[in-house]
């Protein structure tokens, strides 16, 4: 009889443990992206002289990256040699624009890419001759 009680107790314990679960099927564990926006703080049509504009990124705690085509006349350092930057969260960044000595106006697109597959935001900069 003791042997039967031991088997029955073992079966009950196994059933009780197998019915416990750390996962709740009604809970969605996929992280939700923060809203993403970009606000340019100055006019994006600028004169021929070297200048800079700033953009404020709102991304909560999510990551992002910003790029302009390599060899462009605008970038993310004063020498205009940095064409991609990465970051996360809310931040104000500076876009440096080299002097236009071509004699013609020019246009450049700066693309702000949020993580989580959200749509990128583009900013078009027009520089006069």
Protein backbone atom coordinates (compact mmCIF):
# COMPACT_ATOMS: atom_id res chain seq x y z
CA UNK A 1 0.00 0.00 0.00
CA UNK A 2 2.87 2.43 0.77
CA UNK A 3 4.27 1.81 -2.69
CA UNK A 4 0.89 2.74 -4.27
CA UNK A 5 0.70 5.94 -2.20
CA UNK A 6 4.20 6.90 -3.38
CA UNK A 7 3.24 6.39 -7.05
CA UNK A 8 -0.03 8.32 -6.60
CA UNK A 9 1.76 11.19 -4.85
CA UNK A 10 4.38 11.30 -7.63
CA UNK A 11 1.68 11.41 -10.33
CA UNK A 12 -0.22 14.21 -8.57
CA UNK A 13 3.00 16.22 -8.16
CA UNK A 14 3.89 15.76 -11.84
CA UNK A 15 0.41 16.84 -12.94
CA UNK A 16 0.52 19.90 -10.68
CA UNK A 17 3.94 20.96 -11.97
CA UNK A 18 3.06 20.41 -15.62
CA UNK A 19 -0.01 22.62 -15.32
CA UNK A 20 2.09 25.57 -14.12
CA UNK A 21 3.39 27.90 -16.80
CA UNK A 22 5.37 31.11 -16.82
CA UNK A 23 3.72 32.22 -20.04
CA UNK A 24 0.33 33.82 -20.19
CA UNK A 25 -1.08 33.27 -23.68
CA UNK A 26 -3.08 36.51 -23.45
CA UNK A 27 0.01 38.69 -22.98
CA UNK A 28 1.84 40.04 -26.04
CA UNK A 29 5.55 40.03 -25.21
CA UNK A 30 6.62 41.81 -28.41
CA UNK A 31 8.00 45.27 -27.59
CA UNK A 32 6.07 48.23 -28.95
CA UNK A 33 8.01 50.96 -30.75
CA UNK A 34 8.03 54.48 -29.39
CA UNK A 35 6.62 57.19 -31.65
CA UNK A 36 9.33 58.57 -33.95
CA UNK A 37 9.51 62.12 -35.26
CA UNK A 38 12.05 64.62 -36.55
CA UNK A 39 11.70 68.39 -36.25
CA UNK A 40 14.15 70.60 -38.12
CA UNK A 41 14.76 73.71 -36.02
CA UNK A 42 15.84 76.05 -38.85
CA UNK A 43 14.88 76.72 -42.44
CA UNK A 44 16.17 73.97 -44.76
CA UNK A 45 16.75 76.44 -47.61
CA UNK A 46 20.11 78.05 -46.90
CA UNK A 47 22.52 80.45 -48.59
CA UNK A 48 25.83 79.59 -50.26
CA UNK A 49 27.94 80.19 -47.12
CA UNK A 50 28.90 77.29 -44.86
CA UNK A 51 26.27 76.90 -42.17
CA UNK A 52 24.55 74.36 -39.96
CA UNK A 53 21.03 73.37 -39.02
CA UNK A 54 19.78 71.28 -36.13
CA UNK A 55 17.16 68.57 -36.01
CA UNK A 56 15.45 67.25 -32.91
CA UNK A 57 14.74 63.53 -32.89
CA UNK A 58 12.01 62.13 -30.69
CA UNK A 59 12.35 58.36 -30.36
CA UNK A 60 11.61 57.46 -26.75
CA UNK A 61 14.20 54.79 -25.91
CA UNK A 62 14.38 53.33 -29.43
CA UNK A 63 17.38 53.42 -31.73
CA UNK A 64 17.85 55.28 -35.00
CA UNK A 65 20.47 56.14 -37.60
CA UNK A 66 20.84 59.08 -39.96
CA UNK A 67 22.65 59.16 -43.25
CA UNK A 68 23.44 61.27 -46.27
CA UNK A 69 25.19 59.93 -49.37
CA UNK A 70 28.96 59.57 -48.99
CA UNK A 71 30.82 62.50 -50.52
CA UNK A 72 27.91 64.86 -49.92
CA UNK A 73 28.33 68.52 -49.05
CA UNK A 74 26.53 68.05 -45.74
CA UNK A 75 27.39 65.76 -42.86
CA UNK A 76 27.60 65.37 -39.10
CA UNK A 77 30.92 67.04 -38.26
CA UNK A 78 32.35 70.46 -39.08
CA UNK A 79 34.67 69.00 -41.73
CA UNK A 80 31.61 67.47 -43.48
CA UNK A 81 33.30 64.06 -43.63
CA UNK A 82 30.92 62.09 -41.40
CA UNK A 83 27.93 60.83 -43.37
CA UNK A 84 26.21 58.40 -41.00
CA UNK A 85 25.54 58.55 -37.27
CA UNK A 86 23.76 56.18 -34.91
CA UNK A 87 21.98 56.81 -31.66
CA UNK A 88 18.97 56.14 -29.50
CA UNK A 89 16.42 58.10 -27.60
CA UNK A 90 15.62 61.77 -27.92
CA UNK A 91 18.45 63.94 -29.23
CA UNK A 92 19.21 67.15 -31.07
CA UNK A 93 21.82 66.70 -33.79
CA UNK A 94 23.69 69.21 -35.93
CA UNK A 95 23.88 68.90 -39.72
CA UNK A 96 26.88 70.81 -41.08
CA UNK A 97 26.65 72.26 -44.59
CA UNK A 98 29.79 73.11 -46.57
CA UNK A 99 30.06 76.36 -48.52
CA UNK A 100 28.65 76.15 -52.04
CA UNK A 101 31.33 77.29 -54.48
CA UNK A 102 29.80 75.62 -57.55
CA UNK A 103 27.87 78.64 -58.75
CA UNK A 104 24.66 76.56 -58.88
CA UNK A 105 22.08 75.74 -56.22
CA UNK A 106 22.05 72.17 -54.95
CA UNK A 107 19.75 69.81 -53.09
CA UNK A 108 20.53 67.03 -50.61
CA UNK A 109 18.29 64.58 -48.75
CA UNK A 110 19.08 63.56 -45.18
CA UNK A 111 17.32 60.35 -44.11
CA UNK A 112 16.42 59.58 -40.49
CA UNK A 113 15.84 55.82 -40.01
CA UNK A 114 13.99 54.61 -36.89
CA UNK A 115 14.26 51.04 -35.64
CA UNK A 116 11.31 48.59 -35.45
CA UNK A 117 10.68 48.91 -39.19
CA UNK A 118 8.99 52.29 -38.84
CA UNK A 119 8.97 54.54 -41.89
CA UNK A 120 12.04 56.77 -42.33
CA UNK A 121 11.77 60.56 -42.25
CA UNK A 122 13.52 62.55 -44.96
CA UNK A 123 14.63 66.16 -44.80
CA UNK A 124 15.57 67.99 -47.99
CA UNK A 125 18.19 70.70 -47.76
CA UNK A 126 18.42 73.25 -50.56
CA UNK A 127 21.53 75.39 -50.75
CA UNK A 128 21.65 78.47 -52.95
CA UNK A 129 24.50 79.43 -55.27
